[in-house]
Protein backbone atom coordinates (compact mmCIF):
# COMPACT_ATOMS: atom_id res chain seq x y z
CA MET A 1 1.10 23.52 -9.07
CA LYS A 2 0.09 26.01 -11.78
CA THR A 3 2.11 24.19 -14.41
CA TRP A 4 0.29 20.93 -13.73
CA PHE A 5 -2.97 22.80 -14.15
CA LEU A 6 -1.98 24.38 -17.41
CA LYS A 7 -0.67 20.95 -18.61
CA PHE A 8 -4.03 19.50 -17.78
CA ARG A 9 -5.77 22.33 -19.67
CA ILE A 10 -3.45 21.81 -22.77
CA SER A 11 -4.08 18.04 -22.79
CA ASN A 12 -7.93 18.61 -22.36
CA ALA A 13 -7.95 21.02 -25.23
CA LEU A 14 -6.07 18.55 -27.45
CA ASN A 15 -8.42 15.75 -26.31
CA SER A 16 -11.52 17.70 -27.24
CA ARG A 17 -10.04 18.87 -30.51
CA ARG A 18 -10.25 22.54 -29.61
CA SER A 19 -7.55 25.26 -30.01
CA LEU A 20 -5.76 26.34 -26.83
CA PRO A 21 -7.47 29.07 -24.89
CA PRO A 22 -5.77 32.52 -25.04
CA ASP A 23 -4.52 32.59 -21.39
CA VAL A 24 -2.89 29.16 -21.93
CA LEU A 25 -1.22 30.45 -25.07
CA ARG A 26 0.15 33.42 -23.14
CA GLN A 27 1.55 31.13 -20.36
CA THR A 28 2.95 28.73 -23.02
CA SER A 29 4.84 31.51 -24.69
CA LYS A 30 6.44 32.60 -21.36
CA SER A 31 7.61 29.01 -20.39
CA ALA A 32 9.92 26.76 -22.25
CA GLU A 33 8.62 23.70 -20.15
CA LEU A 34 5.09 24.26 -21.24
CA ARG A 35 6.08 24.90 -24.96
CA ARG A 36 8.05 21.45 -24.94
CA PHE A 37 4.86 19.82 -23.30
CA THR A 38 2.54 21.41 -25.89
CA GLU A 39 4.80 20.09 -28.67
CA ASN A 40 5.09 16.62 -27.23
CA MET A 41 1.30 16.35 -26.56
CA GLU A 42 0.46 17.58 -30.18
CA SER A 43 2.92 14.92 -31.66
CA VAL A 44 1.47 12.26 -29.42
CA ASP A 45 -2.06 13.37 -30.18
CA ALA A 46 -1.35 13.30 -33.95
CA ALA A 47 0.34 9.83 -33.69
CA LEU A 48 -2.72 8.47 -31.61
CA LYS A 49 -5.34 10.00 -34.01
CA GLY A 50 -3.48 8.69 -37.16
CA GLU A 51 -3.83 5.46 -38.80
CA LYS A 52 -4.50 2.41 -36.56
CA VAL A 53 -2.25 -0.57 -37.24
CA ALA A 54 -3.78 -4.06 -36.58
CA PRO A 55 -1.25 -6.20 -34.66
CA GLU A 56 0.13 -9.10 -36.57
CA THR A 57 -0.55 -12.70 -35.26
CA PRO A 58 1.22 -15.67 -36.50
CA ALA A 59 -0.73 -17.88 -38.64
CA ALA A 60 -0.06 -20.96 -36.61
CA LEU A 61 -1.06 -19.36 -33.37
CA HIS A 62 -4.63 -20.50 -33.49
CA GLU A 63 -3.68 -24.00 -34.36
CA SER A 64 -1.22 -24.33 -31.51
CA ILE A 65 -3.72 -23.02 -28.93
CA MET A 66 -6.40 -25.39 -30.16
CA ARG A 67 -3.89 -28.24 -30.12
CA ALA A 68 -2.92 -27.53 -26.41
CA VAL A 69 -6.51 -27.30 -25.47
CA ARG A 70 -7.42 -30.69 -27.13
CA ARG A 71 -4.36 -32.26 -25.40
CA ALA A 72 -5.35 -30.97 -22.00
CA HIS A 73 -8.96 -32.31 -22.48
CA ARG A 74 -7.54 -35.68 -23.46
CA GLU A 75 -5.42 -35.80 -20.33
CA GLU A 76 -8.38 -34.85 -18.09
CA GLU A 77 -10.41 -37.80 -19.59
CA ARG A 78 -7.47 -40.24 -18.87
CA GLU A 79 -7.39 -39.30 -15.24
CA PHE A 80 -9.35 -41.41 -12.85
CA ASN A 81 -12.00 -39.39 -11.00
CA ARG A 82 -11.61 -40.64 -7.39
CA GLY A 83 -13.77 -37.89 -5.95
CA GLY A 84 -16.75 -39.20 -7.83
CA ILE A 85 -16.69 -42.53 -6.07
CA TRP A 86 -16.49 -41.02 -2.63
CA GLU A 87 -19.29 -38.73 -3.48
CA ARG A 88 -21.42 -41.70 -4.31
CA LEU A 89 -20.36 -43.95 -1.36
CA ILE A 90 -20.67 -41.55 1.65
CA PRO A 91 -24.37 -40.88 1.50
CA ALA A 92 -25.01 -44.67 1.03
CA THR A 93 -22.69 -45.59 3.95
CA VAL A 94 -24.21 -42.97 6.25
CA LEU A 95 -27.74 -44.23 5.42
CA GLY A 96 -26.76 -47.81 6.05
CA LEU A 97 -25.08 -46.91 9.48
CA PHE A 98 -28.16 -44.90 10.43
CA LEU A 99 -30.54 -47.81 9.67
CA ALA A 100 -28.13 -50.13 11.55
CA LEU A 101 -28.16 -48.04 14.60
CA ILE A 102 -31.88 -47.83 14.65
CA LEU A 103 -32.37 -51.54 14.30
CA LEU A 104 -29.86 -52.28 17.04
CA ASP A 105 -31.39 -49.75 19.36
CA ARG A 106 -34.87 -51.28 19.26
CA PRO A 107 -34.33 -54.52 21.03
CA LEU A 108 -32.22 -52.81 23.69
CA SER A 109 -34.72 -50.11 24.44
CA ALA A 110 -37.48 -52.64 25.09
CA THR A 111 -35.40 -54.66 27.79
CA ARG A 112 -34.39 -51.55 29.76
CA PRO A 113 -35.92 -51.21 33.20
CA GLN A 114 -38.04 -48.29 34.02
CA ALA A 115 -36.40 -45.56 35.92
CA THR A 116 -37.85 -44.91 39.36
CA VAL A 117 -37.54 -41.76 41.48
CA SER A 118 -35.58 -42.38 44.71
CA PRO A 119 -36.05 -40.45 47.89
CA SER A 120 -32.50 -39.05 47.53
CA ALA A 121 -33.64 -36.97 44.56
CA ALA A 122 -35.15 -34.20 46.84
CA PRO A 123 -31.78 -32.69 47.64
CA ALA A 124 -30.94 -32.73 43.93
CA ALA A 125 -33.97 -30.62 43.12
CA GLY A 126 -32.64 -27.85 45.48
CA MET A 127 -29.31 -27.94 43.53
CA VAL A 128 -30.97 -27.74 40.30
CA ALA A 129 -32.99 -24.70 41.54
CA SER A 130 -29.90 -22.92 42.73
CA ALA A 131 -28.12 -23.59 39.47
CA LEU A 132 -31.17 -22.19 37.64
CA ASP A 133 -30.95 -18.95 39.70
CA ARG A 134 -27.25 -18.67 39.10
CA GLY A 135 -27.95 -19.10 35.39
CA ASN A 136 -30.60 -16.38 35.43
CA ALA A 137 -28.13 -14.02 37.09
CA LEU A 138 -25.49 -14.74 34.42
CA VAL A 139 -27.97 -13.96 31.70
CA SER A 140 -28.59 -10.45 32.99
CA VAL A 141 -24.86 -9.78 33.82
CA VAL A 142 -22.99 -11.30 30.70
CA PRO A 143 -24.57 -9.22 27.94
CA ASN A 144 -23.62 -6.08 29.57
CA ALA A 145 -20.15 -7.21 30.25
CA ALA A 146 -19.81 -8.29 26.53
CA ILE A 147 -21.32 -5.16 25.15
CA SER A 148 -19.59 -2.57 27.41
CA PRO A 149 -16.28 -2.59 25.49
CA LEU A 150 -18.08 -2.11 22.23
CA THR A 151 -20.04 0.79 23.54
CA ASP A 152 -16.82 2.46 24.96
CA GLU A 153 -15.12 2.00 21.48
CA MET A 154 -18.11 3.50 19.80
CA ALA A 155 -17.93 6.52 22.05
CA ARG A 156 -14.26 6.99 21.34
CA LEU A 157 -14.98 6.73 17.51
CA LYS A 158 -17.63 9.40 17.93
CA GLN A 159 -15.04 11.70 19.70
CA ASP A 160 -12.47 11.06 17.02
CA PHE A 161 -15.07 11.88 14.32
CA THR A 162 -16.14 14.97 16.12
CA ASN A 163 -12.49 16.09 16.64
CA ALA A 164 -11.71 15.44 12.91
CA GLN A 165 -14.79 17.44 11.83
CA SER A 166 -13.88 20.48 14.02
CA PHE A 167 -10.17 20.33 12.72
CA LEU A 168 -11.38 20.38 9.12
CA LEU A 169 -13.81 23.12 9.59
CA ALA A 170 -11.18 25.13 11.47
CA SER A 171 -8.61 24.71 8.71
CA MET A 172 -10.85 25.85 5.99
CA PRO A 173 -10.52 29.46 4.92
């Protein structure tokens, strides 16, 4: 671990173009590994700070790239754009069907007989009322049943966090 820290200090000194601190020089003189590391880092540093060489690119590279781009563009123009037709036909078709349904529904609704309430509808009202009461009971029970597992899980997470915190605090010197 100490050698890693010393290597970091050597690298940092070379990056900031400073000389090595005296304590690092003492450690380097004692260790062959640190001497090799210092020599390697100095040679790498000198090579990187030296003259920069521009990469060579072939002269025909730009021309070949542009030819490929133009060829791909021409191929795209040749393809038939089928999606464009469907994008134009779907809204018109939907609008036409909607208007046809409206026009067909008009004459039929005028000829429908009026609905009358029969005497047998009274028992149905009692059934509707009991169904509404059951629905009200469900509205009060279902949210608690749905949220209960989440509440339990949050309590467990809080306990895990507390345990982890106490462990970390106990392990610190």
